[in-house]
Amino acid sequence: MSDHQTIPLAFEAIAPEESRKRLAAFATRLRKRRTVRDFSAEPVPQDIIEQAILAAGSAPSGANQQPWTFVAISDASVKSRIRAAAEEEEKAFYAGRAGEEWLEALAPLGTDWEKPFLETAPWLIAIFMQRWGQGPDGKRVKHYYALESVGIAVGFLIAALHEAGLATLTHTPSPMGFLNEICGRPDNEKAIVLLVVGKPAEGCRVPAIAKKPLDEIARFI
């Protein structure tokens, strides 16, 4: 028996019929989610972003170390700095750093180095991975499966924001070291995703692509 402290599990038992009903509704809503690059400037209340981050923070993590930091940005001047830094990296990417194969894969999406949404959208959320932590004694603490843990949390965050009626874009300029400086994050943190959040602009259009069906993404053994 372990001697660590425990509490009773809060678990809601659900009958299969109700499980099917809930999952069908949830899956239908999620499959309507689309990445958006044309955002409205309409404000989104901060408490909605806070609740979505709390949902993301409930994700499982290696050794329960919760190795993530979410920096939510609505300040126009900070968003402008982020856009300028991101576009500098994107220019190099589209000018050849990416390679022809990668650029060909992106071509159907119609993307380029210009990222006006970084200023237009009401919120940017920079998600950082804590490569290591610090114990009560100030000593460095190794984090386990930090990247995988942060990836799961980002998925939770995107789903939560979609459930709140908001659109998102996962923006990953490379490298993203400029986010540490702009957001004031320490060296032990690495930016993983810059999530653009808001409502779609009126008349927003998205690429005509489809999600793969179940038989192409799953195997049952």
C-alpha atoms as a PDB file:
ATOM      1  CA  MET A   1       0.000   0.000   0.000  1.00  0.00           C
ATOM      2  CA  SER A   2       1.238   3.482  -0.875  1.00  0.00           C
ATOM      3  CA  ASP A   3       1.459   5.978   1.963  1.00  0.00           C
ATOM      4  CA  HIS A   4       0.658   9.035  -0.163  1.00  0.00           C
ATOM      5  CA  GLN A   5      -2.530  10.953   0.556  1.00  0.00           C
ATOM      6  CA  THR A   6      -5.665  10.072  -1.412  1.00  0.00           C
ATOM      7  CA  ILE A   7      -9.227  11.353  -1.743  1.00  0.00           C
ATOM      8  CA  PRO A   8     -12.403   9.615  -2.939  1.00  0.00           C
ATOM      9  CA  LEU A   9     -12.836   9.530  -6.720  1.00  0.00           C
ATOM     10  CA  ALA A  10     -15.590  11.797  -8.018  1.00  0.00           C
ATOM     11  CA  PHE A  11     -16.938   9.693 -10.870  1.00  0.00           C
ATOM     12  CA  GLU A  12     -20.243   9.845 -12.696  1.00  0.00           C
ATOM     13  CA  ALA A  13     -21.441   6.408 -13.802  1.00  0.00           C
ATOM     14  CA  ILE A  14     -23.294   6.685 -17.126  1.00  0.00           C
ATOM     15  CA  ALA A  15     -25.401   4.020 -18.825  1.00  0.00           C
ATOM     16  CA  PRO A  16     -24.311   3.014 -22.364  1.00  0.00           C
ATOM     17  CA  GLU A  17     -27.378   4.642 -23.920  1.00  0.00           C
ATOM     18  CA  GLU A  18     -26.547   8.000 -22.320  1.00  0.00           C
ATOM     19  CA  SER A  19     -22.862   7.587 -23.220  1.00  0.00           C
ATOM     20  CA  ARG A  20     -23.769   7.112 -26.876  1.00  0.00           C
ATOM     21  CA  LYS A  21     -26.046  10.146 -26.815  1.00  0.00           C
ATOM     22  CA  ARG A  22     -23.447  12.410 -25.205  1.00  0.00           C
ATOM     23  CA  LEU A  23     -20.594  11.197 -27.393  1.00  0.00           C
ATOM     24  CA  ALA A  24     -22.586  11.546 -30.599  1.00  0.00           C
ATOM     25  CA  ALA A  25     -23.445  15.155 -29.750  1.00  0.00           C
ATOM     26  CA  PHE A  26     -19.899  15.987 -28.647  1.00  0.00           C
ATOM     27  CA  ALA A  27     -18.279  14.325 -31.674  1.00  0.00           C
ATOM     28  CA  THR A  28     -20.666  16.125 -34.026  1.00  0.00           C
ATOM     29  CA  ARG A  29     -19.756  19.487 -32.503  1.00  0.00           C
ATOM     30  CA  LEU A  30     -16.022  18.766 -32.607  1.00  0.00           C
ATOM     31  CA  ARG A  31     -16.103  17.581 -36.217  1.00  0.00           C
ATOM     32  CA  LYS A  32     -17.525  20.973 -37.153  1.00  0.00           C
ATOM     33  CA  ARG A  33     -14.394  22.615 -35.744  1.00  0.00           C
ATOM     34  CA  ARG A  34     -12.259  24.254 -38.392  1.00  0.00           C
ATOM     35  CA  THR A  35      -8.997  26.136 -38.260  1.00  0.00           C
ATOM     36  CA  VAL A  36      -9.696  29.800 -38.992  1.00  0.00           C
ATOM     37  CA  ARG A  37      -7.319  32.419 -40.409  1.00  0.00           C
ATOM     38  CA  ASP A  38      -9.824  35.243 -40.825  1.00  0.00           C
ATOM     39  CA  PHE A  39     -10.825  36.520 -37.375  1.00  0.00           C
ATOM     40  CA  SER A  40     -13.224  39.156 -36.128  1.00  0.00           C
ATOM     41  CA  ALA A  41     -11.870  41.817 -33.782  1.00  0.00           C
ATOM     42  CA  GLU A  42     -14.947  41.374 -31.562  1.00  0.00           C
ATOM     43  CA  PRO A  43     -13.792  41.212 -27.921  1.00  0.00           C
ATOM     44  CA  VAL A  44     -14.036  37.975 -25.935  1.00  0.00           C
ATOM     45  CA  PRO A  45     -14.414  38.332 -22.135  1.00  0.00           C
ATOM     46  CA  GLN A  46     -11.333  37.271 -20.177  1.00  0.00           C
ATOM     47  CA  ASP A  47     -13.305  34.981 -17.859  1.00  0.00           C
ATOM     48  CA  ILE A  48     -14.167  32.761 -20.847  1.00  0.00           C
ATOM     49  CA  ILE A  49     -10.467  32.387 -21.646  1.00  0.00           C
ATOM     50  CA  GLU A  50      -9.759  31.683 -17.983  1.00  0.00           C
ATOM     51  CA  GLN A  51     -12.281  28.834 -17.869  1.00  0.00           C
ATOM     52  CA  ALA A  52     -10.869  27.318 -21.051  1.00  0.00           C
ATOM     53  CA  ILE A  53      -7.355  27.409 -19.570  1.00  0.00           C
ATOM     54  CA  LEU A  54      -8.641  25.760 -16.395  1.00  0.00           C
ATOM     55  CA  ALA A  55     -10.107  22.995 -18.571  1.00  0.00           C
ATOM     56  CA  ALA A  56      -6.736  22.611 -20.316  1.00  0.00           C
ATOM     57  CA  GLY A  57      -5.000  22.473 -16.952  1.00  0.00           C
ATOM     58  CA  SER A  58      -7.056  19.407 -16.043  1.00  0.00           C
ATOM     59  CA  ALA A  59      -5.217  17.330 -18.661  1.00  0.00           C
ATOM     60  CA  PRO A  60      -3.190  14.322 -17.505  1.00  0.00           C
ATOM     61  CA  SER A  61       0.574  14.784 -17.283  1.00  0.00           C
ATOM     62  CA  GLY A  62       3.662  12.737 -16.579  1.00  0.00           C
ATOM     63  CA  ALA A  63       4.004  12.236 -12.790  1.00  0.00           C
ATOM     64  CA  ASN A  64       1.271  14.914 -12.434  1.00  0.00           C
ATOM     65  CA  GLN A  65       3.927  17.596 -12.881  1.00  0.00           C
ATOM     66  CA  GLN A  66       1.620  19.737 -15.054  1.00  0.00           C
ATOM     67  CA  PRO A  67       4.575  21.112 -17.056  1.00  0.00           C
ATOM     68  CA  TRP A  68       2.716  23.901 -18.847  1.00  0.00           C
ATOM     69  CA  THR A  69       2.357  27.652 -18.716  1.00  0.00           C
ATOM     70  CA  PHE A  70      -0.412  29.465 -20.601  1.00  0.00           C
ATOM     71  CA  VAL A  71       0.186  33.142 -21.383  1.00  0.00           C
ATOM     72  CA  ALA A  72      -3.025  34.811 -22.599  1.00  0.00           C
ATOM     73  CA  ILE A  73      -2.459  38.066 -24.466  1.00  0.00           C
ATOM     74  CA  SER A  74      -5.048  40.696 -25.409  1.00  0.00           C
ATOM     75  CA  ASP A  75      -2.839  43.808 -25.259  1.00  0.00           C
ATOM     76  CA  ALA A  76      -2.667  45.326 -28.757  1.00  0.00           C
ATOM     77  CA  SER A  77       0.947  46.474 -28.481  1.00  0.00           C
ATOM     78  CA  VAL A  78       2.130  43.038 -27.366  1.00  0.00           C
ATOM     79  CA  LYS A  79       0.176  41.346 -30.162  1.00  0.00           C
ATOM     80  CA  SER A  80       1.820  43.738 -32.631  1.00  0.00           C
ATOM     81  CA  ARG A  81       5.284  42.769 -31.359  1.00  0.00           C
ATOM     82  CA  ILE A  82       4.420  39.086 -31.657  1.00  0.00           C
ATOM     83  CA  ARG A  83       3.167  39.549 -35.223  1.00  0.00           C
ATOM     84  CA  ALA A  84       6.333  41.360 -36.266  1.00  0.00           C
ATOM     85  CA  ALA A  85       8.572  38.663 -34.783  1.00  0.00           C
ATOM     86  CA  ALA A  86       6.471  35.808 -36.151  1.00  0.00           C
ATOM     87  CA  GLU A  87       6.347  37.255 -39.667  1.00  0.00           C
ATOM     88  CA  GLU A  88      10.113  37.629 -39.688  1.00  0.00           C
ATOM     89  CA  GLU A  89      10.447  33.883 -39.090  1.00  0.00           C
ATOM     90  CA  GLU A  90       7.651  33.098 -41.548  1.00  0.00           C
ATOM     91  CA  LYS A  91       9.324  35.075 -44.342  1.00  0.00           C
ATOM     92  CA  ALA A  92      12.403  32.875 -43.990  1.00  0.00           C
ATOM     93  CA  PHE A  93      10.209  29.769 -43.860  1.00  0.00           C
ATOM     94  CA  TYR A  94       8.340  30.542 -47.084  1.00  0.00           C
ATOM     95  CA  ALA A  95      11.493  31.832 -48.785  1.00  0.00           C
ATOM     96  CA  GLY A  96      13.059  28.385 -48.653  1.00  0.00           C
ATOM     97  CA  ARG A  97      13.694  27.233 -45.106  1.00  0.00           C
ATOM     98  CA  ALA A  98      10.672  24.919 -45.324  1.00  0.00           C
ATOM     99  CA  GLY A  99      11.754  23.060 -48.444  1.00  0.00           C
ATOM    100  CA  GLU A 100       9.685  22.395 -51.560  1.00  0.00           C
ATOM    101  CA  GLU A 101       7.902  19.289 -50.230  1.00  0.00           C
ATOM    102  CA  TRP A 102       6.565  21.106 -47.170  1.00  0.00           C
ATOM    103  CA  LEU A 103       5.493  24.137 -49.182  1.00  0.00           C
ATOM    104  CA  GLU A 104       3.660  21.866 -51.642  1.00  0.00           C
ATOM    105  CA  ALA A 105       1.774  20.282 -48.729  1.00  0.00           C
ATOM    106  CA  LEU A 106       0.734  23.736 -47.508  1.00  0.00           C
ATOM    107  CA  ALA A 107      -0.281  25.033 -50.944  1.00  0.00           C
ATOM    108  CA  PRO A 108      -3.922  23.812 -50.811  1.00  0.00           C
ATOM    109  CA  LEU A 109      -4.422  25.831 -47.602  1.00  0.00           C
ATOM    110  CA  GLY A 110      -3.413  29.089 -49.272  1.00  0.00           C
ATOM    111  CA  THR A 111      -1.107  30.220 -46.463  1.00  0.00           C
ATOM    112  CA  ASP A 112       1.800  32.663 -46.749  1.00  0.00           C
ATOM    113  CA  TRP A 113       4.139  34.631 -44.464  1.00  0.00           C
ATOM    114  CA  GLU A 114       1.648  37.388 -43.674  1.00  0.00           C
ATOM    115  CA  LYS A 115      -0.198  36.794 -40.373  1.00  0.00           C
ATOM    116  CA  PRO A 116      -2.642  39.682 -39.782  1.00  0.00           C
ATOM    117  CA  PHE A 117      -4.758  37.484 -37.520  1.00  0.00           C
ATOM    118  CA  LEU A 118      -2.080  37.815 -34.838  1.00  0.00           C
ATOM    119  CA  GLU A 119      -3.257  41.397 -34.350  1.00  0.00           C
ATOM    120  CA  THR A 120      -6.911  41.107 -35.373  1.00  0.00           C
ATOM    121  CA  ALA A 121      -7.978  38.254 -33.087  1.00  0.00           C
ATOM    122  CA  PRO A 122      -8.851  39.392 -29.549  1.00  0.00           C
ATOM    123  CA  TRP A 123      -6.657  36.794 -27.850  1.00  0.00           C
ATOM    124  CA  LEU A 124      -3.389  34.984 -28.385  1.00  0.00           C
ATOM    125  CA  ILE A 125      -2.491  32.160 -26.004  1.00  0.00           C
ATOM    126  CA  ALA A 126       1.167  31.204 -25.958  1.00  0.00           C
ATOM    127  CA  ILE A 127       1.578  27.696 -24.544  1.00  0.00           C
ATOM    128  CA  PHE A 128       4.963  26.916 -23.021  1.00  0.00           C
ATOM    129  CA  MET A 129       6.434  23.558 -22.028  1.00  0.00           C
ATOM    130  CA  GLN A 130       8.362  23.600 -18.761  1.00  0.00           C
ATOM    131  CA  ARG A 131      11.409  21.489 -19.610  1.00  0.00           C
ATOM    132  CA  TRP A 132      12.223  21.252 -15.919  1.00  0.00           C
ATOM    133  CA  GLY A 133      10.817  22.626 -12.693  1.00  0.00           C
ATOM    134  CA  GLN A 134      12.131  23.822  -9.367  1.00  0.00           C
ATOM    135  CA  GLY A 135      11.623  22.066  -6.043  1.00  0.00           C
ATOM    136  CA  PRO A 136      10.914  23.742  -2.683  1.00  0.00           C
ATOM    137  CA  ASP A 137      14.649  23.655  -1.991  1.00  0.00           C
ATOM    138  CA  GLY A 138      15.392  25.470  -5.241  1.00  0.00           C
ATOM    139  CA  LYS A 139      16.902  22.413  -6.904  1.00  0.00           C
ATOM    140  CA  ARG A 140      16.138  21.542 -10.513  1.00  0.00           C
ATOM    141  CA  VAL A 141      13.377  18.933 -10.902  1.00  0.00           C
ATOM    142  CA  LYS A 142      13.234  16.785 -14.032  1.00  0.00           C
ATOM    143  CA  HIS A 143       9.899  16.757 -15.863  1.00  0.00           C
ATOM    144  CA  TYR A 144       8.756  13.509 -17.437  1.00  0.00           C
ATOM    145  CA  TYR A 145       6.920  13.313 -20.776  1.00  0.00           C
ATOM    146  CA  ALA A 146       6.645  17.098 -20.763  1.00  0.00           C
ATOM    147  CA  LEU A 147       6.064  17.500 -24.514  1.00  0.00           C
ATOM    148  CA  GLU A 148       3.422  14.770 -24.621  1.00  0.00           C
ATOM    149  CA  SER A 149       1.700  16.268 -21.581  1.00  0.00           C
ATOM    150  CA  VAL A 150       1.592  19.750 -23.090  1.00  0.00           C
ATOM    151  CA  GLY A 151       0.280  18.331 -26.363  1.00  0.00           C
ATOM    152  CA  ILE A 152      -2.643  16.740 -24.530  1.00  0.00           C
ATOM    153  CA  ALA A 153      -3.345  20.002 -22.688  1.00  0.00           C
ATOM    154  CA  VAL A 154      -3.388  21.935 -25.966  1.00  0.00           C
ATOM    155  CA  GLY A 155      -5.975  19.476 -27.291  1.00  0.00           C
ATOM    156  CA  PHE A 156      -8.100  20.037 -24.194  1.00  0.00           C
ATOM    157  CA  LEU A 157      -7.776  23.805 -24.676  1.00  0.00           C
ATOM    158  CA  ILE A 158      -8.830  23.752 -28.328  1.00  0.00           C
ATOM    159  CA  ALA A 159     -11.837  21.537 -27.529  1.00  0.00           C
ATOM    160  CA  ALA A 160     -12.848  23.785 -24.624  1.00  0.00           C
ATOM    161  CA  LEU A 161     -12.645  26.938 -26.740  1.00  0.00           C
ATOM    162  CA  HIS A 162     -14.662  25.296 -29.511  1.00  0.00           C
ATOM    163  CA  GLU A 163     -17.286  24.289 -26.950  1.00  0.00           C
ATOM    164  CA  ALA A 164     -17.420  27.972 -25.951  1.00  0.00           C
ATOM    165  CA  GLY A 165     -18.237  28.973 -29.528  1.00  0.00           C
ATOM    166  CA  LEU A 166     -14.780  30.306 -30.368  1.00  0.00           C
ATOM    167  CA  ALA A 167     -12.532  29.621 -33.332  1.00  0.00           C
ATOM    168  CA  THR A 168      -8.841  28.820 -33.043  1.00  0.00           C
ATOM    169  CA  LEU A 169      -5.690  28.612 -35.107  1.00  0.00           C
ATOM    170  CA  THR A 170      -2.607  26.681 -34.011  1.00  0.00           C
ATOM    171  CA  HIS A 171       0.259  28.884 -35.157  1.00  0.00           C
ATOM    172  CA  THR A 172       3.774  27.486 -34.898  1.00  0.00           C
ATOM    173  CA  PRO A 173       6.397  29.824 -36.371  1.00  0.00           C
ATOM    174  CA  SER A 174       9.830  28.251 -36.092  1.00  0.00           C
ATOM    175  CA  PRO A 175      11.816  29.075 -34.077  1.00  0.00           C
ATOM    176  CA  MET A 176       9.596  30.613 -31.404  1.00  0.00           C
ATOM    177  CA  GLY A 177      12.218  31.816 -28.959  1.00  0.00           C
ATOM    178  CA  PHE A 178      10.950  35.381 -29.383  1.00  0.00           C
ATOM    179  CA  LEU A 179       7.898  34.432 -27.314  1.00  0.00           C
ATOM    180  CA  ASN A 180      10.052  33.875 -24.226  1.00  0.00           C
ATOM    181  CA  GLU A 181      11.353  37.427 -24.463  1.00  0.00           C
ATOM    182  CA  ILE A 182       8.026  39.064 -25.273  1.00  0.00           C
ATOM    183  CA  CYS A 183       6.073  37.072 -22.662  1.00  0.00           C
ATOM    184  CA  GLY A 184       8.791  37.259 -20.011  1.00  0.00           C
ATOM    185  CA  ARG A 185       9.184  33.513 -19.637  1.00  0.00           C
ATOM    186  CA  PRO A 186      12.296  31.846 -18.114  1.00  0.00           C
ATOM    187  CA  ASP A 187      14.862  29.704 -19.919  1.00  0.00           C
ATOM    188  CA  ASN A 188      13.377  26.435 -18.672  1.00  0.00           C
ATOM    189  CA  GLU A 189      10.248  27.071 -20.717  1.00  0.00           C
ATOM    190  CA  LYS A 190       9.923  26.457 -24.449  1.00  0.00           C
ATOM    191  CA  ALA A 191       7.083  27.832 -26.590  1.00  0.00           C
ATOM    192  CA  ILE A 192       5.192  24.974 -28.245  1.00  0.00           C
ATOM    193  CA  VAL A 193       2.115  26.604 -29.790  1.00  0.00           C
ATOM    194  CA  LEU A 194       0.782  30.113 -30.280  1.00  0.00           C
ATOM    195  CA  LEU A 195      -2.995  29.677 -30.250  1.00  0.00           C
ATOM    196  CA  VAL A 196      -5.034  32.391 -31.953  1.00  0.00           C
ATOM    197  CA  VAL A 197      -8.518  32.730 -30.406  1.00  0.00           C
ATOM    198  CA  GLY A 198     -11.650  34.646 -31.296  1.00  0.00           C
ATOM    199  CA  LYS A 199     -14.759  34.613 -33.431  1.00  0.00           C
ATOM    200  CA  PRO A 200     -14.574  34.109 -37.198  1.00  0.00           C
ATOM    201  CA  ALA A 201     -14.886  37.233 -39.326  1.00  0.00           C
ATOM    202  CA  GLU A 202     -18.212  37.716 -41.068  1.00  0.00           C
ATOM    203  CA  GLY A 203     -18.172  35.801 -44.326  1.00  0.00           C
ATOM    204  CA  CYS A 204     -15.155  33.743 -43.246  1.00  0.00           C
ATOM    205  CA  ARG A 205     -14.312  30.930 -45.638  1.00  0.00           C
ATOM    206  CA  VAL A 206     -12.114  27.881 -45.037  1.00  0.00           C
ATOM    207  CA  PRO A 207     -10.421  25.366 -47.361  1.00  0.00           C
ATOM    208  CA  ALA A 208     -12.678  22.634 -48.752  1.00  0.00           C
ATOM    209  CA  ILE A 209     -11.103  19.728 -46.903  1.00  0.00           C
ATOM    210  CA  ALA A 210     -12.658  16.774 -45.083  1.00  0.00           C
ATOM    211  CA  LYS A 211     -11.795  14.735 -42.000  1.00  0.00           C
ATOM    212  CA  LYS A 212     -10.884  11.107 -42.513  1.00  0.00           C
ATOM    213  CA  PRO A 213     -13.627   8.541 -41.746  1.00  0.00           C
ATOM    214  CA  LEU A 214     -13.359   6.095 -38.865  1.00  0.00           C
ATOM    215  CA  ASP A 215     -12.094   3.200 -40.973  1.00  0.00           C
ATOM    216  CA  GLU A 216      -9.095   5.273 -42.069  1.00  0.00           C
ATOM    217  CA  ILE A 217      -8.011   6.400 -38.595  1.00  0.00           C
ATOM    218  CA  ALA A 218      -8.849   3.460 -36.305  1.00  0.00           C
ATOM    219  CA  ARG A 219      -8.201  -0.251 -35.938  1.00  0.00           C
ATOM    220  CA  PHE A 220      -9.938  -2.474 -33.400  1.00  0.00           C
ATOM    221  CA  ILE A 221      -8.127  -5.597 -32.191  1.00  0.00           C
END
